[in-house]
Protein backbone atom coordinates (compact mmCIF):
# COMPACT_ATOMS: atom_id res chain seq x y z
CA MET A 1 -7.14 -7.75 23.75
CA TYR A 2 -8.37 -10.80 25.59
CA ILE A 3 -7.05 -14.18 26.66
CA GLY A 4 -9.66 -16.11 24.67
CA SER A 5 -7.93 -15.68 21.27
CA ARG A 6 -4.69 -17.00 22.79
CA ILE A 7 -6.45 -20.00 24.29
CA GLN A 8 -8.22 -20.73 20.98
CA LYS A 9 -4.97 -20.59 19.05
CA LEU A 10 -3.29 -23.05 21.42
CA ARG A 11 -6.22 -25.41 21.30
CA GLU A 12 -6.17 -25.42 17.49
CA GLU A 13 -2.41 -26.05 17.52
CA LYS A 14 -2.94 -29.03 19.78
CA GLY A 15 -5.67 -30.34 17.48
CA LEU A 16 -8.30 -30.44 20.30
CA SER A 17 -12.01 -29.81 20.13
CA GLN A 18 -13.56 -27.37 22.63
CA LYS A 19 -15.01 -30.35 24.50
CA GLU A 20 -11.64 -32.05 24.77
CA ALA A 21 -9.90 -28.87 25.88
CA SER A 22 -12.48 -28.05 28.60
CA CYS A 23 -13.21 -31.56 29.86
CA GLY A 24 -12.89 -31.77 33.70
CA ILE A 25 -12.09 -28.03 33.95
CA ILE A 26 -15.06 -26.02 32.81
CA SER A 27 -18.26 -26.72 30.86
CA THR A 28 -18.00 -26.69 27.09
CA SER A 29 -20.45 -23.78 26.82
CA HIS A 30 -18.47 -21.69 29.34
CA TYR A 31 -15.25 -22.62 27.51
CA SER A 32 -16.73 -21.45 24.21
CA ASN A 33 -17.57 -18.12 25.84
CA VAL A 34 -13.98 -17.86 27.06
CA GLU A 35 -12.59 -18.21 23.55
CA SER A 36 -15.07 -15.66 22.17
CA GLY A 37 -14.24 -13.16 24.89
CA ARG A 38 -17.74 -13.22 26.47
CA PHE A 39 -16.58 -14.80 29.71
CA VAL A 40 -13.44 -14.11 31.81
CA PRO A 41 -12.28 -17.37 33.49
CA SER A 42 -11.02 -17.54 37.06
CA GLU A 43 -7.35 -17.78 37.88
CA ASP A 44 -7.83 -21.46 38.87
CA VAL A 45 -9.35 -22.26 35.53
CA LEU A 46 -6.55 -20.53 33.72
CA ARG A 47 -3.93 -22.52 35.69
CA LEU A 48 -5.64 -25.78 34.76
CA LEU A 49 -5.90 -24.78 31.09
CA ALA A 50 -2.23 -23.81 31.09
CA GLU A 51 -1.38 -27.25 32.45
CA ARG A 52 -3.57 -28.94 29.77
CA PHE A 53 -1.94 -26.96 26.97
CA ASP A 54 1.52 -27.51 28.48
CA VAL A 55 2.42 -23.78 28.64
CA PRO A 56 3.86 -21.71 31.50
CA VAL A 57 1.12 -20.48 33.86
CA PRO A 58 2.12 -16.74 33.48
CA TYR A 59 1.36 -17.17 29.78
CA PHE A 60 -2.35 -17.28 30.78
CA LEU A 61 -2.30 -15.17 33.94
CA ASP A 62 -0.09 -12.15 33.05
CA THR A 63 -1.53 -11.24 29.65
CA GLN A 64 -2.00 -7.59 30.59
CA LYS A 65 1.39 -7.19 32.40
CA PRO A 66 4.20 -5.87 30.15
CA ASN A 67 7.66 -6.94 31.17
CA PRO A 68 10.04 -3.89 31.22
CA ALA A 69 13.18 -6.04 30.67
CA LEU A 70 11.58 -7.80 27.72
CA GLN A 71 10.44 -4.45 26.32
CA LYS A 72 14.09 -3.34 26.21
CA LEU A 73 14.89 -6.44 24.20
CA LEU A 74 11.99 -5.78 21.82
CA ASP A 75 13.19 -2.20 21.33
CA GLU A 76 16.75 -3.48 20.64
CA TYR A 77 15.34 -6.06 18.19
CA GLU A 78 13.53 -3.40 16.25
CA GLN A 79 16.68 -1.22 16.01
CA LEU A 80 18.74 -4.21 14.81
CA LEU A 81 16.34 -4.90 11.94
CA SER A 82 17.80 -1.98 10.03
CA LEU A 83 21.32 -3.51 10.30
CA GLU A 84 23.06 -6.47 8.74
CA VAL A 85 21.54 -9.94 8.99
CA GLU A 86 24.41 -11.43 11.00
CA GLN A 87 23.87 -8.99 13.89
CA ILE A 88 20.17 -9.89 13.96
CA ARG A 89 20.96 -13.60 14.01
CA ARG A 90 23.32 -13.26 16.94
CA PHE A 91 20.67 -11.36 18.88
CA THR A 92 17.78 -13.71 18.20
CA THR A 93 19.88 -16.79 18.97
CA LYS A 94 21.09 -15.32 22.26
CA HIS A 95 17.63 -14.31 23.46
CA ALA A 96 15.51 -17.12 21.86
CA ALA A 97 14.31 -18.49 25.23
CA LYS A 98 13.12 -15.03 26.38
CA PHE A 99 10.89 -14.71 23.28
CA SER A 100 9.13 -17.99 23.92
CA TYR A 101 5.71 -17.82 25.50
CA ILE A 102 5.67 -14.04 26.14
CA PRO A 103 2.89 -13.43 28.72
CA SER A 104 1.86 -9.94 27.66
CA ILE A 105 -0.42 -10.20 24.60
CA LEU A 106 0.74 -6.78 23.40
CA GLN A 107 4.41 -7.67 23.75
CA GLU A 108 3.91 -11.04 22.07
CA PHE A 109 2.17 -9.37 19.19
CA THR A 110 5.02 -6.81 18.97
CA TYR A 111 7.53 -9.67 18.82
CA ASN A 112 5.59 -11.38 16.03
CA VAL A 113 5.45 -8.16 13.98
CA LEU A 114 9.21 -7.80 14.36
CA LYS A 115 9.75 -11.47 13.53
CA TYR A 116 7.82 -11.06 10.34
CA ILE A 117 10.08 -8.20 9.30
CA ASP A 118 13.12 -10.28 10.28
CA LEU A 119 11.97 -13.22 8.12
CA VAL A 120 11.33 -11.03 5.09
CA LYS A 121 14.72 -9.38 5.53
CA THR A 122 16.46 -12.78 5.48
CA GLY A 123 14.51 -13.96 2.42
CA GLN A 124 12.23 -16.34 4.31
CA VAL A 125 9.04 -15.01 2.77
CA ARG A 126 7.03 -18.23 2.89
CA GLN A 127 7.65 -18.54 6.63
CA ALA A 128 6.82 -14.87 7.15
CA GLN A 129 3.48 -15.32 5.34
CA LYS A 130 2.63 -18.31 7.51
CA LEU A 131 3.47 -16.34 10.63
CA TYR A 132 1.19 -13.50 9.58
CA ALA A 133 -1.72 -15.77 8.77
CA LYS A 134 -1.31 -17.52 12.11
CA GLU A 135 -0.49 -14.70 14.52
CA MET A 136 -1.76 -11.39 13.12
CA ILE A 137 -5.50 -12.11 13.44
CA HIS A 138 -5.69 -12.02 17.21
CA LEU A 139 -5.67 -8.24 17.80
CA SER A 140 -8.36 -5.84 16.70
CA GLN A 141 -7.79 -2.59 14.85
CA LYS A 142 -8.98 -0.77 17.99
CA ASP A 143 -6.31 -2.51 20.10
CA LEU A 144 -3.60 -1.53 17.66
CA GLU A 145 -4.62 2.13 17.27
CA THR A 146 -3.82 2.77 20.96
CA ASN A 147 -0.13 2.09 20.21
CA LYS A 148 0.91 4.22 17.21
CA PRO A 149 4.45 2.80 16.65
CA LEU A 150 3.09 -0.75 16.73
CA PHE A 151 0.14 0.25 14.53
CA ILE A 152 2.56 1.63 11.90
CA ASN A 153 4.64 -1.57 12.00
CA TYR A 154 1.42 -3.56 11.67
CA LEU A 155 0.35 -1.55 8.62
CA TYR A 156 3.84 -2.09 7.19
CA ILE A 157 3.77 -5.87 7.49
CA SER A 158 0.14 -6.00 6.29
CA GLY A 159 1.26 -4.15 3.17
CA LEU A 160 4.07 -6.65 2.72
CA PHE A 161 1.71 -9.57 3.31
CA CYS A 162 -0.60 -8.34 0.52
CA TYR A 163 2.38 -7.60 -1.72
CA PHE A 164 3.81 -11.09 -1.44
CA ASN A 165 0.30 -12.43 -2.14
CA LYS A 166 0.44 -10.35 -5.37
CA ASN A 167 -2.48 -8.16 -4.08
CA TYR A 168 -0.56 -4.99 -5.02
CA ARG A 169 -3.49 -2.55 -4.85
CA ALA A 170 -4.27 -3.66 -1.25
CA SER A 171 -0.60 -3.27 -0.31
CA ILE A 172 -0.63 0.29 -1.60
CA VAL A 173 -3.64 1.09 0.56
CA TYR A 174 -1.68 -0.01 3.63
CA PHE A 175 1.42 1.96 2.59
CA ARG A 176 -0.63 5.08 2.05
CA ALA A 177 -2.04 4.71 5.57
CA ILE A 178 1.50 4.68 6.90
CA LEU A 179 2.29 7.98 5.12
CA GLU A 180 -0.66 9.56 6.89
CA LEU A 181 0.69 8.55 10.32
CA ALA A 182 4.44 8.32 10.12
CA ARG A 183 6.77 11.06 11.22
CA SER A 184 10.05 9.16 10.92
CA GLU A 185 11.88 10.08 7.71
CA GLU A 186 13.30 6.58 7.47
CA THR A 187 9.84 5.02 7.77
CA ILE A 188 8.60 7.35 5.06
CA ALA A 189 11.50 6.49 2.77
CA LYS A 190 10.94 2.76 3.28
CA THR A 191 7.24 3.22 2.46
CA PHE A 192 8.03 5.14 -0.76
CA TYR A 193 10.34 2.31 -1.80
CA ASN A 194 7.65 -0.34 -1.15
CA MET A 195 5.00 1.67 -2.99
CA SER A 196 7.39 1.91 -5.96
CA LEU A 197 7.64 -1.91 -6.01
CA ALA A 198 3.88 -2.27 -5.88
CA PHE A 199 3.32 0.24 -8.72
CA PHE A 200 5.99 -1.55 -10.74
CA HIS A 201 3.98 -4.79 -10.58
CA LEU A 202 0.88 -2.89 -11.66
CA PHE A 203 2.79 -1.64 -14.72
CA ASP A 204 2.50 1.92 -13.60
CA TYR A 205 6.14 2.67 -14.32
CA ALA A 206 5.76 6.46 -14.07
CA GLU A 207 4.44 6.18 -10.47
CA ALA A 208 7.00 3.49 -9.63
CA LEU A 209 9.86 5.69 -10.81
CA ASP A 210 8.47 8.72 -8.98
CA TYR A 211 8.25 6.92 -5.65
CA VAL A 212 11.68 5.25 -5.92
CA LYS A 213 13.16 8.69 -6.64
CA ARG A 214 11.49 10.06 -3.52
CA ALA A 215 12.84 7.17 -1.50
CA GLN A 216 16.34 7.58 -2.90
CA GLN A 217 16.40 11.33 -2.07
CA GLN A 218 15.12 10.70 1.41
CA TYR A 219 17.75 7.99 2.04
CA MET A 220 20.51 10.27 0.69
CA ASN A 221 19.44 13.05 3.07
CA LEU A 222 19.63 10.51 5.91
CA HIS A 223 23.09 9.34 4.71
CA LYS A 224 21.67 5.84 4.41
CA TRP A 225 23.98 4.88 1.55
CA ILE A 226 23.09 1.20 1.24
CA ALA A 227 19.38 1.95 1.16
CA ALA A 228 20.05 4.64 -1.48
CA GLY A 229 21.96 1.98 -3.46
CA ASP A 230 18.92 -0.27 -3.33
CA CYS A 231 16.81 2.62 -4.74
CA TYR A 232 19.20 3.05 -7.68
CA ASN A 233 18.91 -0.73 -8.24
CA LEU A 234 15.14 -0.54 -8.39
CA ALA A 235 15.17 2.51 -10.61
CA ALA A 236 17.43 0.57 -13.05
CA THR A 237 14.92 -2.30 -13.03
CA ILE A 238 12.00 0.04 -13.80
CA LEU A 239 13.95 1.76 -16.63
CA MET A 240 14.83 -1.61 -18.16
CA GLU A 241 11.13 -2.39 -18.38
CA GLN A 242 10.78 0.83 -20.33
CA ASN A 243 13.63 -0.29 -22.61
CA LYS A 244 15.82 2.55 -21.40
CA ALA A 245 19.06 0.64 -20.99
CA THR A 246 21.33 3.66 -21.09
CA GLU A 247 19.44 5.35 -18.27
CA ALA A 248 19.31 2.09 -16.33
CA MET A 249 23.12 1.75 -16.68
CA ARG A 250 23.45 5.27 -15.31
CA GLN A 251 21.44 4.34 -12.23
CA ILE A 252 23.64 1.34 -11.62
CA GLN A 253 26.79 3.54 -11.82
CA LYS A 254 25.21 6.00 -9.35
CA GLY A 255 24.51 3.06 -7.02
CA PHE A 256 28.15 2.03 -7.08
CA SER A 257 29.12 5.63 -6.52
CA VAL A 258 27.06 6.13 -3.34
CA LEU A 259 28.36 2.79 -1.89
CA GLY A 260 31.98 3.69 -2.43
CA ASP A 261 34.31 0.90 -1.27
CA SER A 262 31.80 -0.71 1.06
CA VAL A 263 30.81 -4.31 0.46
CA SER A 264 27.23 -5.44 0.99
CA GLU A 265 24.38 -7.42 -0.49
CA THR A 266 23.45 -4.22 -2.27
CA SER A 267 26.93 -4.21 -4.02
CA ALA A 268 26.25 -7.75 -5.20
CA ARG A 269 22.82 -6.78 -6.51
CA LEU A 270 24.33 -3.89 -8.44
CA TYR A 271 26.73 -6.28 -10.10
CA HIS A 272 23.91 -8.66 -10.79
CA ASN A 273 21.76 -5.97 -12.42
CA LEU A 274 24.70 -4.60 -14.37
CA ALA A 275 25.25 -8.09 -15.78
CA TYR A 276 21.54 -8.31 -16.65
CA ILE A 277 21.67 -5.05 -18.55
CA GLN A 278 24.79 -6.14 -20.40
CA PHE A 279 22.99 -9.48 -21.15
CA LYS A 280 19.96 -7.66 -22.55
CA GLU A 281 22.26 -5.48 -24.63
CA LYS A 282 23.81 -8.67 -25.99
CA THR A 283 27.35 -7.91 -24.71
CA TYR A 284 27.58 -11.44 -23.42
CA TYR A 285 31.26 -11.61 -22.56
CA ASP A 286 30.98 -8.40 -20.53
CA ALA A 287 27.87 -9.85 -18.86
CA LEU A 288 29.71 -13.10 -18.04
CA LYS A 289 32.62 -11.23 -16.46
CA THR A 290 30.25 -9.07 -14.39
CA ILE A 291 28.07 -11.95 -13.18
CA ASN A 292 31.20 -13.84 -12.14
CA GLN A 293 32.17 -10.82 -10.03
CA CYS A 294 28.70 -10.87 -8.51
CA ILE A 295 28.84 -14.62 -7.66
CA GLU A 296 32.31 -14.29 -6.23
CA LEU A 297 31.22 -11.37 -3.99
CA LYS A 298 28.09 -13.24 -2.82
CA GLN A 299 30.19 -16.28 -1.93
CA LYS A 300 32.60 -14.17 0.09
CA MET A 301 29.72 -12.69 2.06
CA GLY A 302 27.99 -16.07 2.54
CA SER A 303 24.90 -14.77 0.70
CA GLU A 304 21.81 -16.86 0.65
CA ASN A 305 20.73 -15.37 -2.63
CA LEU A 306 23.13 -17.03 -5.03
CA ILE A 307 20.66 -18.95 -7.16
CA ILE A 308 19.28 -16.02 -9.06
CA SER A 309 22.80 -15.00 -10.13
CA TYR A 310 23.72 -18.54 -11.14
CA THR A 311 20.48 -18.61 -13.19
CA LEU A 312 21.50 -15.44 -14.97
CA LYS A 313 24.98 -16.82 -15.58
CA ILE A 314 23.60 -19.98 -17.16
CA SER A 315 21.35 -17.85 -19.41
CA ILE A 316 24.47 -15.89 -20.54
CA LEU A 317 26.38 -19.11 -21.18
CA PHE A 318 23.40 -20.45 -23.15
CA HIS A 319 23.63 -17.45 -25.54
CA LEU A 320 27.39 -18.09 -25.77
CA GLU A 321 26.52 -21.73 -26.62
CA ASP A 322 28.94 -22.97 -23.93
CA PHE A 323 27.00 -26.07 -23.02
CA MET A 324 29.89 -27.71 -21.21
CA ALA A 325 30.08 -24.69 -18.83
CA ILE A 326 26.31 -24.83 -18.37
CA GLN A 327 26.56 -28.48 -17.21
CA ASP A 328 29.41 -27.55 -14.81
CA ASN A 329 27.33 -24.75 -13.33
CA LEU A 330 24.23 -26.91 -13.05
CA LYS A 331 26.35 -29.41 -11.03
CA GLN A 332 27.56 -26.64 -8.76
CA ILE A 333 23.97 -25.56 -8.09
CA GLN A 334 23.10 -29.04 -6.93
CA GLN A 335 24.90 -28.34 -3.59
CA PHE A 336 22.24 -25.73 -2.76
CA THR A 337 18.80 -26.32 -1.32
CA LEU A 338 16.51 -25.04 -4.07
CA GLN A 339 13.02 -23.66 -3.73
CA GLU A 340 10.52 -25.11 -6.27
CA ARG A 341 10.57 -21.85 -8.28
CA GLU A 342 14.34 -21.89 -8.52
CA SER A 343 14.36 -25.55 -9.63
CA ILE A 344 11.82 -24.82 -12.36
CA GLN A 345 13.76 -21.79 -13.61
CA LEU A 346 16.91 -23.93 -13.98
CA ARG A 347 14.95 -26.72 -15.54
CA TYR A 348 13.57 -24.23 -18.07
CA ILE A 349 17.05 -23.16 -19.12
CA GLU A 350 18.08 -26.81 -19.37
CA THR A 351 15.00 -27.50 -21.49
CA LYS A 352 16.01 -24.81 -23.97
CA MET A 353 19.40 -26.41 -24.16
CA TYR A 354 17.79 -29.71 -25.13
CA TYR A 355 16.08 -27.86 -28.00
CA THR A 356 19.36 -26.38 -29.19
CA VAL A 357 21.06 -29.76 -29.26
CA ARG A 358 17.95 -31.29 -30.89
CA GLU A 359 17.01 -33.58 -28.07
CA PHE A 360 13.39 -33.01 -28.87
CA PRO A 361 11.67 -35.77 -26.73
CA LEU A 362 13.45 -34.36 -23.66
CA TYR A 363 12.63 -30.87 -24.76
CA GLU A 364 8.92 -31.65 -25.05
CA LYS A 365 8.66 -33.53 -21.77
CA ASN A 366 10.43 -30.83 -19.76
CA MET A 367 8.78 -27.89 -21.45
CA GLN A 368 5.33 -29.23 -20.70
CA GLY A 369 6.24 -29.50 -17.02
CA CYS A 370 7.67 -25.96 -16.96
CA ILE A 371 4.67 -24.41 -18.71
CA GLN A 372 2.29 -26.18 -16.31
CA TYR A 373 4.16 -24.72 -13.33
CA PHE A 374 4.38 -21.19 -14.83
CA GLN A 375 0.64 -21.15 -15.53
CA SER A 376 -0.49 -22.58 -12.14
CA ASN A 377 1.80 -20.15 -10.29
CA GLU A 378 0.96 -17.15 -12.47
CA GLU A 379 4.54 -16.71 -13.62
CA TRP A 380 3.41 -14.73 -16.64
CA LYS A 381 6.84 -13.50 -17.68
CA TYR A 382 8.18 -17.05 -18.04
CA LEU A 383 4.89 -18.41 -19.42
CA LYS A 384 4.90 -15.81 -22.20
CA GLU A 385 8.42 -16.82 -23.36
CA ALA A 386 7.96 -20.59 -22.86
CA ALA A 387 4.56 -20.79 -24.55
CA ARG A 388 5.77 -18.77 -27.55
CA HIS A 389 8.83 -21.02 -27.85
CA PHE A 390 6.67 -24.18 -27.62
CA SER A 391 4.10 -22.79 -30.08
CA ILE A 392 6.79 -22.09 -32.73
CA TYR A 393 8.28 -25.56 -32.12
CA TYR A 394 4.91 -27.31 -32.75
CA ALA A 395 4.22 -25.11 -35.81
CA ASN A 396 7.58 -26.20 -37.30
CA GLN A 397 6.55 -29.79 -36.52
CA LYS A 398 3.27 -29.13 -38.42
CA LYS A 399 1.28 -29.91 -35.25
CA TYR A 400 -0.98 -26.85 -35.65
CA LYS A 401 -3.49 -27.73 -33.00
CA MET A 402 -0.81 -27.83 -30.31
CA ALA A 403 0.82 -24.73 -31.80
CA HIS A 404 -2.50 -22.85 -31.51
CA HIS A 405 -3.00 -23.96 -27.91
CA TYR A 406 0.35 -22.62 -26.74
CA GLN A 407 -0.09 -19.48 -28.81
CA ASP A 408 -3.29 -18.92 -26.80
CA LEU A 409 -1.32 -19.30 -23.61
CA CYS A 410 1.19 -16.80 -24.88
CA ILE A 411 -1.58 -14.29 -25.52
CA LEU A 412 -2.97 -14.92 -22.03
CA SER A 413 0.37 -14.20 -20.47
CA TYR A 414 0.58 -10.89 -22.42
CA GLN A 415 -2.80 -9.94 -20.98
CA ARG A 416 -1.97 -10.82 -17.39
CA LEU A 417 1.72 -10.28 -17.31
CA THR A 418 3.04 -9.76 -13.78
CA MET A 419 6.75 -9.61 -13.32
CA GLU A 420 8.68 -10.23 -10.13
CA VAL A 421 11.57 -8.34 -8.56
CA LYS A 422 13.32 -10.43 -5.89
CA GLY A 423 15.48 -8.41 -3.65
CA GLY A 424 15.90 -5.77 -6.35
CA GLU A 425 17.58 -8.17 -8.80
CA MET A 426 16.34 -8.60 -12.37
CA GLU A 427 15.21 -11.88 -13.80
């Protein structure tokens, strides 16, 4: 660990060249050696650089001095990350100032690792990925290996970083490394769960099911009922991909059983996945009743994950041909701040509605936009369905060149199909 990486990061954030940062303080060549770790600057130089970068002086002087009081807060933060989101928010809001410009490089790195986990837990994956890319490159493997608990957390978030970048094989490598080091049963259970997700995306459903069963048993032994419920949710998702709806339904019922009367995000996900299974089994009225229960529960809890359930509800209404209800639900969704992916998913459902009511110019225009998004973002599941739909449409219009083009896209999506599980809920 050395101060140079911190100085370099701040300089880049300020948009300064090395010459601009060092002017009047130290020669540019010496400054370059400071950033690379080949030269240790004097205390006076560090004070002047802190002033230039507008940061507290201890942020440059006390890089090797852990703060015991801050360490207690970091330990508390880590413990809270296994609890409900609201408790974490209260804690981070209360102590926000203390986590700003942490002098100790090791403690700052620890905070950023925990912050990454926090962001993922609250569904802010994009922000988490940016944090990792910005902050996790400034400690070496050697530095980390001297602190085993931190090293395990680092391996964990590195696995998640690769997972969210759809590099599933790399994520499995990180998770396997955790299993070689970890002694905590909860850490092992969490790692089994994440490996199950990664294998799921690699279409290795046998391995995915094996690992989620290991995770579920581990959580049951620990009396971690909510986490066990999440495992039953994931098992149901895997089984649905194997067209085993009856077994998937059994997993959902087991999930409800372990949760009992408790109400949580996991309860809502169970309702969501139950509705999805009913939808796939074409029991649309049952599915509609269940997804309404899910949405009502999420609203009571103030869930930030409502859009996926509204999307499923609109899909159900589409099969019931209740277009007025679809329009009403689309209006309700306008009150939410939508991610681009969510907007496109809703636009895709709306596009299929245009087809059903024979508004073909609107159908063509919107479908082209949806397919372009699905292809550029490697949303193979949606691309497969949309391209097939569009190909059949053009064939019926006797536009065979266009039909062939979209049929090729459909074949491509079959070859590279990668499906997403967001928070254990089926799409």
